[in-house]
Amino acid sequence: MTNSAKKDYYYNPKEFRGRNKWHASQHKQKGECKYKIMWFLAGIIVGIVIAILLAIKEPDMINAILRQVHHWLLLG
């Protein structure tokens, strides 16, 4: 604890009790982060489902895409 922190504690000790309380802004930040991760994972899952459905319905299109990507990787 620095000298200024000790001084603050000495003059206002009640402020230093119960430090586990969160401010509203911290709750908001935690919630936003949780929702960002949730939407990111939901997007990945939806993308995988669309890819599977497309592979079942149009396997020739998937083969063409994979051949093109393979061609780009060999030339790159």
PDB file of N, CA and C in Angstrom:
ATOM      1  N   MET A   1       0.849  -1.170   0.000  1.00  0.00           N
ATOM      2  CA  MET A   1       0.000   0.000   0.000  1.00  0.00           C
ATOM      3  C   MET A   1       0.895   1.234   0.000  1.00  0.00           C
ATOM      4  N   THR A   2       0.641   2.147  -0.909  1.00  0.00           N
ATOM      5  CA  THR A   2       1.472   3.349  -0.987  1.00  0.00           C
ATOM      6  C   THR A   2       1.110   4.301   0.139  1.00  0.00           C
ATOM      7  N   ASN A   3       1.938   5.323   0.306  1.00  0.00           N
ATOM      8  CA  ASN A   3       1.687   6.293   1.375  1.00  0.00           C
ATOM      9  C   ASN A   3       0.363   7.005   1.180  1.00  0.00           C
ATOM     10  N   SER A   4       0.058   7.371  -0.059  1.00  0.00           N
ATOM     11  CA  SER A   4      -1.207   8.077  -0.290  1.00  0.00           C
ATOM     12  C   SER A   4      -2.399   7.165  -0.019  1.00  0.00           C
ATOM     13  N   ALA A   5      -2.260   5.870  -0.332  1.00  0.00           N
ATOM     14  CA  ALA A   5      -3.347   4.935  -0.050  1.00  0.00           C
ATOM     15  C   ALA A   5      -3.513   4.755   1.455  1.00  0.00           C
ATOM     16  N   LYS A   6      -2.397   4.700   2.193  1.00  0.00           N
ATOM     17  CA  LYS A   6      -2.487   4.592   3.647  1.00  0.00           C
ATOM     18  C   LYS A   6      -3.165   5.822   4.230  1.00  0.00           C
ATOM     19  N   LYS A   7      -2.827   6.968   3.681  1.00  0.00           N
ATOM     20  CA  LYS A   7      -3.410   8.215   4.156  1.00  0.00           C
ATOM     21  C   LYS A   7      -4.917   8.222   3.884  1.00  0.00           C
ATOM     22  N   ASP A   8      -5.313   7.783   2.688  1.00  0.00           N
ATOM     23  CA  ASP A   8      -6.737   7.718   2.365  1.00  0.00           C
ATOM     24  C   ASP A   8      -7.450   6.748   3.292  1.00  0.00           C
ATOM     25  N   TYR A   9      -6.813   5.623   3.583  1.00  0.00           N
ATOM     26  CA  TYR A   9      -7.419   4.627   4.474  1.00  0.00           C
ATOM     27  C   TYR A   9      -7.576   5.199   5.885  1.00  0.00           C
ATOM     28  N   TYR A  10      -6.592   5.953   6.300  1.00  0.00           N
ATOM     29  CA  TYR A  10      -6.641   6.524   7.650  1.00  0.00           C
ATOM     30  C   TYR A  10      -7.772   7.536   7.770  1.00  0.00           C
ATOM     31  N   TYR A  11      -7.948   8.373   6.756  1.00  0.00           N
ATOM     32  CA  TYR A  11      -8.962   9.419   6.835  1.00  0.00           C
ATOM     33  C   TYR A  11     -10.365   8.920   6.487  1.00  0.00           C
ATOM     34  N   ASN A  12     -10.468   7.883   5.679  1.00  0.00           N
ATOM     35  CA  ASN A  12     -11.791   7.401   5.271  1.00  0.00           C
ATOM     36  C   ASN A  12     -11.779   5.872   5.200  1.00  0.00           C
ATOM     37  N   PRO A  13     -11.723   5.181   6.348  1.00  0.00           N
ATOM     38  CA  PRO A  13     -11.597   3.722   6.314  1.00  0.00           C
ATOM     39  C   PRO A  13     -12.837   3.014   5.767  1.00  0.00           C
ATOM     40  N   LYS A  14     -14.012   3.627   5.868  1.00  0.00           N
ATOM     41  CA  LYS A  14     -15.231   2.960   5.392  1.00  0.00           C
ATOM     42  C   LYS A  14     -15.177   2.710   3.887  1.00  0.00           C
ATOM     43  N   GLU A  15     -14.507   3.589   3.165  1.00  0.00           N
ATOM     44  CA  GLU A  15     -14.412   3.434   1.712  1.00  0.00           C
ATOM     45  C   GLU A  15     -13.650   2.162   1.341  1.00  0.00           C
ATOM     46  N   PHE A  16     -12.747   1.705   2.205  1.00  0.00           N
ATOM     47  CA  PHE A  16     -11.909   0.556   1.884  1.00  0.00           C
ATOM     48  C   PHE A  16     -12.526  -0.761   2.331  1.00  0.00           C
ATOM     49  N   ARG A  17     -13.660  -0.707   3.000  1.00  0.00           N
ATOM     50  CA  ARG A  17     -14.335  -1.942   3.402  1.00  0.00           C
ATOM     51  C   ARG A  17     -15.205  -2.436   2.264  1.00  0.00           C
ATOM     52  N   GLY A  18     -15.308  -3.745   2.123  1.00  0.00           N
ATOM     53  CA  GLY A  18     -16.187  -4.301   1.096  1.00  0.00           C
ATOM     54  C   GLY A  18     -15.755  -3.935  -0.308  1.00  0.00           C
ATOM     55  N   ARG A  19     -14.495  -4.178  -0.622  1.00  0.00           N
ATOM     56  CA  ARG A  19     -13.972  -3.810  -1.941  1.00  0.00           C
ATOM     57  C   ARG A  19     -14.530  -4.684  -3.061  1.00  0.00           C
ATOM     58  N   ASN A  20     -15.302  -5.733  -2.727  1.00  0.00           N
ATOM     59  CA  ASN A  20     -15.815  -6.604  -3.781  1.00  0.00           C
ATOM     60  C   ASN A  20     -17.071  -6.036  -4.433  1.00  0.00           C
ATOM     61  N   LYS A  21     -17.509  -4.865  -4.008  1.00  0.00           N
ATOM     62  CA  LYS A  21     -18.675  -4.250  -4.650  1.00  0.00           C
ATOM     63  C   LYS A  21     -18.268  -3.716  -6.019  1.00  0.00           C
ATOM     64  N   TRP A  22     -19.141  -3.956  -6.988  1.00  0.00           N
ATOM     65  CA  TRP A  22     -18.854  -3.498  -8.342  1.00  0.00           C
ATOM     66  C   TRP A  22     -19.665  -2.257  -8.643  1.00  0.00           C
ATOM     67  N   HIS A  23     -19.083  -1.386  -9.414  1.00  0.00           N
ATOM     68  CA  HIS A  23     -19.826  -0.228  -9.889  1.00  0.00           C
ATOM     69  C   HIS A  23     -20.692  -0.640 -11.070  1.00  0.00           C
ATOM     70  N   ALA A  24     -21.693   0.179 -11.365  1.00  0.00           N
ATOM     71  CA  ALA A  24     -22.603  -0.133 -12.473  1.00  0.00           C
ATOM     72  C   ALA A  24     -21.847  -0.232 -13.789  1.00  0.00           C
ATOM     73  N   SER A  25     -20.832   0.598 -13.978  1.00  0.00           N
ATOM     74  CA  SER A  25     -20.075   0.559 -15.236  1.00  0.00           C
ATOM     75  C   SER A  25     -19.335  -0.767 -15.388  1.00  0.00           C
ATOM     76  N   GLN A  26     -18.851  -1.339 -14.282  1.00  0.00           N
ATOM     77  CA  GLN A  26     -18.159  -2.621 -14.365  1.00  0.00           C
ATOM     78  C   GLN A  26     -19.128  -3.742 -14.718  1.00  0.00           C
ATOM     79  N   HIS A  27     -20.346  -3.696 -14.155  1.00  0.00           N
ATOM     80  CA  HIS A  27     -21.353  -4.698 -14.519  1.00  0.00           C
ATOM     81  C   HIS A  27     -21.691  -4.585 -15.996  1.00  0.00           C
ATOM     82  N   LYS A  28     -21.807  -3.348 -16.474  1.00  0.00           N
ATOM     83  CA  LYS A  28     -22.139  -3.137 -17.883  1.00  0.00           C
ATOM     84  C   LYS A  28     -21.030  -3.691 -18.778  1.00  0.00           C
ATOM     85  N   GLN A  29     -19.771  -3.441 -18.428  1.00  0.00           N
ATOM     86  CA  GLN A  29     -18.661  -3.941 -19.234  1.00  0.00           C
ATOM     87  C   GLN A  29     -18.643  -5.461 -19.252  1.00  0.00           C
ATOM     88  N   LYS A  30     -18.891  -6.089 -18.102  1.00  0.00           N
ATOM     89  CA  LYS A  30     -18.881  -7.552 -18.042  1.00  0.00           C
ATOM     90  C   LYS A  30     -20.009  -8.110 -18.900  1.00  0.00           C
ATOM     91  N   GLY A  31     -21.188  -7.506 -18.830  1.00  0.00           N
ATOM     92  CA  GLY A  31     -22.317  -7.964 -19.626  1.00  0.00           C
ATOM     93  C   GLY A  31     -22.059  -7.818 -21.113  1.00  0.00           C
ATOM     94  N   GLU A  32     -21.489  -6.687 -21.515  1.00  0.00           N
ATOM     95  CA  GLU A  32     -21.202  -6.475 -22.934  1.00  0.00           C
ATOM     96  C   GLU A  32     -20.207  -7.506 -23.439  1.00  0.00           C
ATOM     97  N   CYS A  33     -19.208  -7.807 -22.654  1.00  0.00           N
ATOM     98  CA  CYS A  33     -18.197  -8.792 -23.054  1.00  0.00           C
ATOM     99  C   CYS A  33     -18.840 -10.167 -23.209  1.00  0.00           C
ATOM    100  N   LYS A  34     -19.716 -10.516 -22.259  1.00  0.00           N
ATOM    101  CA  LYS A  34     -20.372 -11.822 -22.305  1.00  0.00           C
ATOM    102  C   LYS A  34     -21.221 -11.935 -23.566  1.00  0.00           C
ATOM    103  N   TYR A  35     -21.948 -10.868 -23.907  1.00  0.00           N
ATOM    104  CA  TYR A  35     -22.799 -10.919 -25.093  1.00  0.00           C
ATOM    105  C   TYR A  35     -21.976 -10.941 -26.377  1.00  0.00           C
ATOM    106  N   LYS A  36     -20.840 -10.253 -26.389  1.00  0.00           N
ATOM    107  CA  LYS A  36     -19.980 -10.291 -27.576  1.00  0.00           C
ATOM    108  C   LYS A  36     -19.475 -11.704 -27.830  1.00  0.00           C
ATOM    109  N   ILE A  37     -19.047 -12.376 -26.770  1.00  0.00           N
ATOM    110  CA  ILE A  37     -18.566 -13.751 -26.919  1.00  0.00           C
ATOM    111  C   ILE A  37     -19.701 -14.655 -27.369  1.00  0.00           C
ATOM    112  N   MET A  38     -20.895 -14.451 -26.785  1.00  0.00           N
ATOM    113  CA  MET A  38     -22.044 -15.283 -27.138  1.00  0.00           C
ATOM    114  C   MET A  38     -22.401 -15.111 -28.615  1.00  0.00           C
ATOM    115  N   TRP A  39     -22.442 -13.876 -29.101  1.00  0.00           N
ATOM    116  CA  TRP A  39     -22.777 -13.639 -30.511  1.00  0.00           C
ATOM    117  C   TRP A  39     -21.699 -14.190 -31.434  1.00  0.00           C
ATOM    118  N   PHE A  40     -20.439 -14.092 -31.027  1.00  0.00           N
ATOM    119  CA  PHE A  40     -19.339 -14.638 -31.826  1.00  0.00           C
ATOM    120  C   PHE A  40     -19.480 -16.148 -31.976  1.00  0.00           C
ATOM    121  N   LEU A  41     -19.730 -16.837 -30.858  1.00  0.00           N
ATOM    122  CA  LEU A  41     -19.884 -18.291 -30.907  1.00  0.00           C
ATOM    123  C   LEU A  41     -21.133 -18.690 -31.682  1.00  0.00           C
ATOM    124  N   ALA A  42     -22.215 -17.918 -31.532  1.00  0.00           N
ATOM    125  CA  ALA A  42     -23.439 -18.209 -32.285  1.00  0.00           C
ATOM    126  C   ALA A  42     -23.182 -18.064 -33.781  1.00  0.00           C
ATOM    127  N   GLY A  43     -22.413 -17.067 -34.180  1.00  0.00           N
ATOM    128  CA  GLY A  43     -22.081 -16.889 -35.587  1.00  0.00           C
ATOM    129  C   GLY A  43     -21.266 -18.038 -36.138  1.00  0.00           C
ATOM    130  N   ILE A  44     -20.327 -18.525 -35.346  1.00  0.00           N
ATOM    131  CA  ILE A  44     -19.529 -19.676 -35.783  1.00  0.00           C
ATOM    132  C   ILE A  44     -20.411 -20.904 -35.961  1.00  0.00           C
ATOM    133  N   ILE A  45     -21.313 -21.144 -35.005  1.00  0.00           N
ATOM    134  CA  ILE A  45     -22.199 -22.314 -35.090  1.00  0.00           C
ATOM    135  C   ILE A  45     -23.109 -22.211 -36.303  1.00  0.00           C
ATOM    136  N   VAL A  46     -23.679 -21.038 -36.548  1.00  0.00           N
ATOM    137  CA  VAL A  46     -24.550 -20.853 -37.716  1.00  0.00           C
ATOM    138  C   VAL A  46     -23.754 -21.061 -38.999  1.00  0.00           C
ATOM    139  N   GLY A  47     -22.532 -20.565 -39.050  1.00  0.00           N
ATOM    140  CA  GLY A  47     -21.696 -20.766 -40.232  1.00  0.00           C
ATOM    141  C   GLY A  47     -21.408 -22.232 -40.491  1.00  0.00           C
ATOM    142  N   ILE A  48     -21.148 -22.981 -39.437  1.00  0.00           N
ATOM    143  CA  ILE A  48     -20.891 -24.418 -39.595  1.00  0.00           C
ATOM    144  C   ILE A  48     -22.142 -25.130 -40.096  1.00  0.00           C
ATOM    145  N   VAL A  49     -23.300 -24.775 -39.539  1.00  0.00           N
ATOM    146  CA  VAL A  49     -24.560 -25.403 -39.976  1.00  0.00           C
ATOM    147  C   VAL A  49     -24.831 -25.097 -41.442  1.00  0.00           C
ATOM    148  N   ILE A  50     -24.630 -23.854 -41.856  1.00  0.00           N
ATOM    149  CA  ILE A  50     -24.846 -23.488 -43.263  1.00  0.00           C
ATOM    150  C   ILE A  50     -23.879 -24.248 -44.160  1.00  0.00           C
ATOM    151  N   ALA A  51     -22.630 -24.383 -43.735  1.00  0.00           N
ATOM    152  CA  ALA A  51     -21.645 -25.118 -44.536  1.00  0.00           C
ATOM    153  C   ALA A  51     -22.039 -26.585 -44.681  1.00  0.00           C
ATOM    154  N   ILE A  52     -22.533 -27.187 -43.607  1.00  0.00           N
ATOM    155  CA  ILE A  52     -22.951 -28.593 -43.677  1.00  0.00           C
ATOM    156  C   ILE A  52     -24.145 -28.753 -44.607  1.00  0.00           C
ATOM    157  N   LEU A  53     -25.134 -27.861 -44.465  1.00  0.00           N
ATOM    158  CA  LEU A  53     -26.315 -27.951 -45.332  1.00  0.00           C
ATOM    159  C   LEU A  53     -25.942 -27.728 -46.798  1.00  0.00           C
ATOM    160  N   LEU A  54     -25.040 -26.794 -47.048  1.00  0.00           N
ATOM    161  CA  LEU A  54     -24.604 -26.541 -48.418  1.00  0.00           C
ATOM    162  C   LEU A  54     -23.846 -27.743 -48.971  1.00  0.00           C
ATOM    163  N   ALA A  55     -23.038 -28.379 -48.140  1.00  0.00           N
ATOM    164  CA  ALA A  55     -22.282 -29.551 -48.592  1.00  0.00           C
ATOM    165  C   ALA A  55     -23.214 -30.710 -48.924  1.00  0.00           C
ATOM    166  N   ILE A  56     -24.315 -30.823 -48.190  1.00  0.00           N
ATOM    167  CA  ILE A  56     -25.270 -31.896 -48.476  1.00  0.00           C
ATOM    168  C   ILE A  56     -26.033 -31.605 -49.765  1.00  0.00           C
ATOM    169  N   LYS A  57     -26.445 -30.346 -49.933  1.00  0.00           N
ATOM    170  CA  LYS A  57     -27.290 -30.003 -51.078  1.00  0.00           C
ATOM    171  C   LYS A  57     -26.486 -29.807 -52.363  1.00  0.00           C
ATOM    172  N   GLU A  58     -25.323 -29.172 -52.262  1.00  0.00           N
ATOM    173  CA  GLU A  58     -24.519 -28.848 -53.451  1.00  0.00           C
ATOM    174  C   GLU A  58     -23.071 -29.313 -53.266  1.00  0.00           C
ATOM    175  N   PRO A  59     -22.801 -30.603 -53.318  1.00  0.00           N
ATOM    176  CA  PRO A  59     -21.414 -31.059 -53.103  1.00  0.00           C
ATOM    177  C   PRO A  59     -20.461 -30.611 -54.213  1.00  0.00           C
ATOM    178  N   ASP A  60     -20.980 -30.420 -55.435  1.00  0.00           N
ATOM    179  CA  ASP A  60     -20.110 -29.963 -56.530  1.00  0.00           C
ATOM    180  C   ASP A  60     -19.592 -28.557 -56.271  1.00  0.00           C
ATOM    181  N   MET A  61     -20.441 -27.702 -55.686  1.00  0.00           N
ATOM    182  CA  MET A  61     -20.025 -26.333 -55.393  1.00  0.00           C
ATOM    183  C   MET A  61     -18.918 -26.340 -54.334  1.00  0.00           C
ATOM    184  N   ILE A  62     -19.054 -27.183 -53.335  1.00  0.00           N
ATOM    185  CA  ILE A  62     -18.031 -27.276 -52.289  1.00  0.00           C
ATOM    186  C   ILE A  62     -16.712 -27.760 -52.885  1.00  0.00           C
ATOM    187  N   ASN A  63     -16.777 -28.758 -53.770  1.00  0.00           N
ATOM    188  CA  ASN A  63     -15.555 -29.254 -54.410  1.00  0.00           C
ATOM    189  C   ASN A  63     -14.892 -28.165 -55.237  1.00  0.00           C
ATOM    190  N   ALA A  64     -15.693 -27.362 -55.951  1.00  0.00           N
ATOM    191  CA  ALA A  64     -15.133 -26.270 -56.753  1.00  0.00           C
ATOM    192  C   ALA A  64     -14.462 -25.227 -55.857  1.00  0.00           C
ATOM    193  N   ILE A  65     -15.095 -24.909 -54.739  1.00  0.00           N
ATOM    194  CA  ILE A  65     -14.513 -23.926 -53.814  1.00  0.00           C
ATOM    195  C   ILE A  65     -13.198 -24.451 -53.244  1.00  0.00           C
ATOM    196  N   LEU A  66     -13.195 -25.718 -52.835  1.00  0.00           N
ATOM    197  CA  LEU A  66     -11.965 -26.297 -52.274  1.00  0.00           C
ATOM    198  C   LEU A  66     -10.847 -26.358 -53.312  1.00  0.00           C
ATOM    199  N   ARG A  67     -11.194 -26.686 -54.562  1.00  0.00           N
ATOM    200  CA  ARG A  67     -10.177 -26.702 -55.619  1.00  0.00           C
ATOM    201  C   ARG A  67      -9.603 -25.307 -55.839  1.00  0.00           C
ATOM    202  N   GLN A  68     -10.472 -24.285 -55.830  1.00  0.00           N
ATOM    203  CA  GLN A  68     -10.009 -22.911 -56.036  1.00  0.00           C
ATOM    204  C   GLN A  68      -9.094 -22.466 -54.894  1.00  0.00           C
ATOM    205  N   VAL A  69      -9.478 -22.760 -53.657  1.00  0.00           N
ATOM    206  CA  VAL A  69      -8.642 -22.392 -52.507  1.00  0.00           C
ATOM    207  C   VAL A  69      -7.302 -23.118 -52.573  1.00  0.00           C
ATOM    208  N   HIS A  70      -7.324 -24.388 -52.939  1.00  0.00           N
ATOM    209  CA  HIS A  70      -6.086 -25.161 -53.072  1.00  0.00           C
ATOM    210  C   HIS A  70      -5.199 -24.552 -54.158  1.00  0.00           C
ATOM    211  N   HIS A  71      -5.811 -24.118 -55.253  1.00  0.00           N
ATOM    212  CA  HIS A  71      -5.072 -23.486 -56.347  1.00  0.00           C
ATOM    213  C   HIS A  71      -4.429 -22.180 -55.868  1.00  0.00           C
ATOM    214  N   TRP A  72      -5.185 -21.364 -55.118  1.00  0.00           N
ATOM    215  CA  TRP A  72      -4.646 -20.103 -54.597  1.00  0.00           C
ATOM    216  C   TRP A  72      -3.477 -20.362 -53.651  1.00  0.00           C
ATOM    217  N   LEU A  73      -3.603 -21.393 -52.822  1.00  0.00           N
ATOM    218  CA  LEU A  73      -2.524 -21.679 -51.873  1.00  0.00           C
ATOM    219  C   LEU A  73      -1.256 -22.137 -52.585  1.00  0.00           C
ATOM    220  N   LEU A  74      -1.417 -22.901 -53.680  1.00  0.00           N
ATOM    221  CA  LEU A  74      -0.241 -23.354 -54.418  1.00  0.00           C
ATOM    222  C   LEU A  74       0.429 -22.204 -55.152  1.00  0.00           C
ATOM    223  N   LEU A  75      -0.363 -21.272 -55.698  1.00  0.00           N
ATOM    224  CA  LEU A  75       0.218 -20.136 -56.417  1.00  0.00           C
ATOM    225  C   LEU A  75       0.786 -19.094 -55.457  1.00  0.00           C
ATOM    226  N   GLY A  76       0.189 -18.985 -54.279  1.00  0.00           N
ATOM    227  CA  GLY A  76       0.614 -17.958 -53.318  1.00  0.00           C
ATOM    228  C   GLY A  76       1.891 -18.304 -52.677  1.00  0.00           C
TER     229      GLY A  76
END
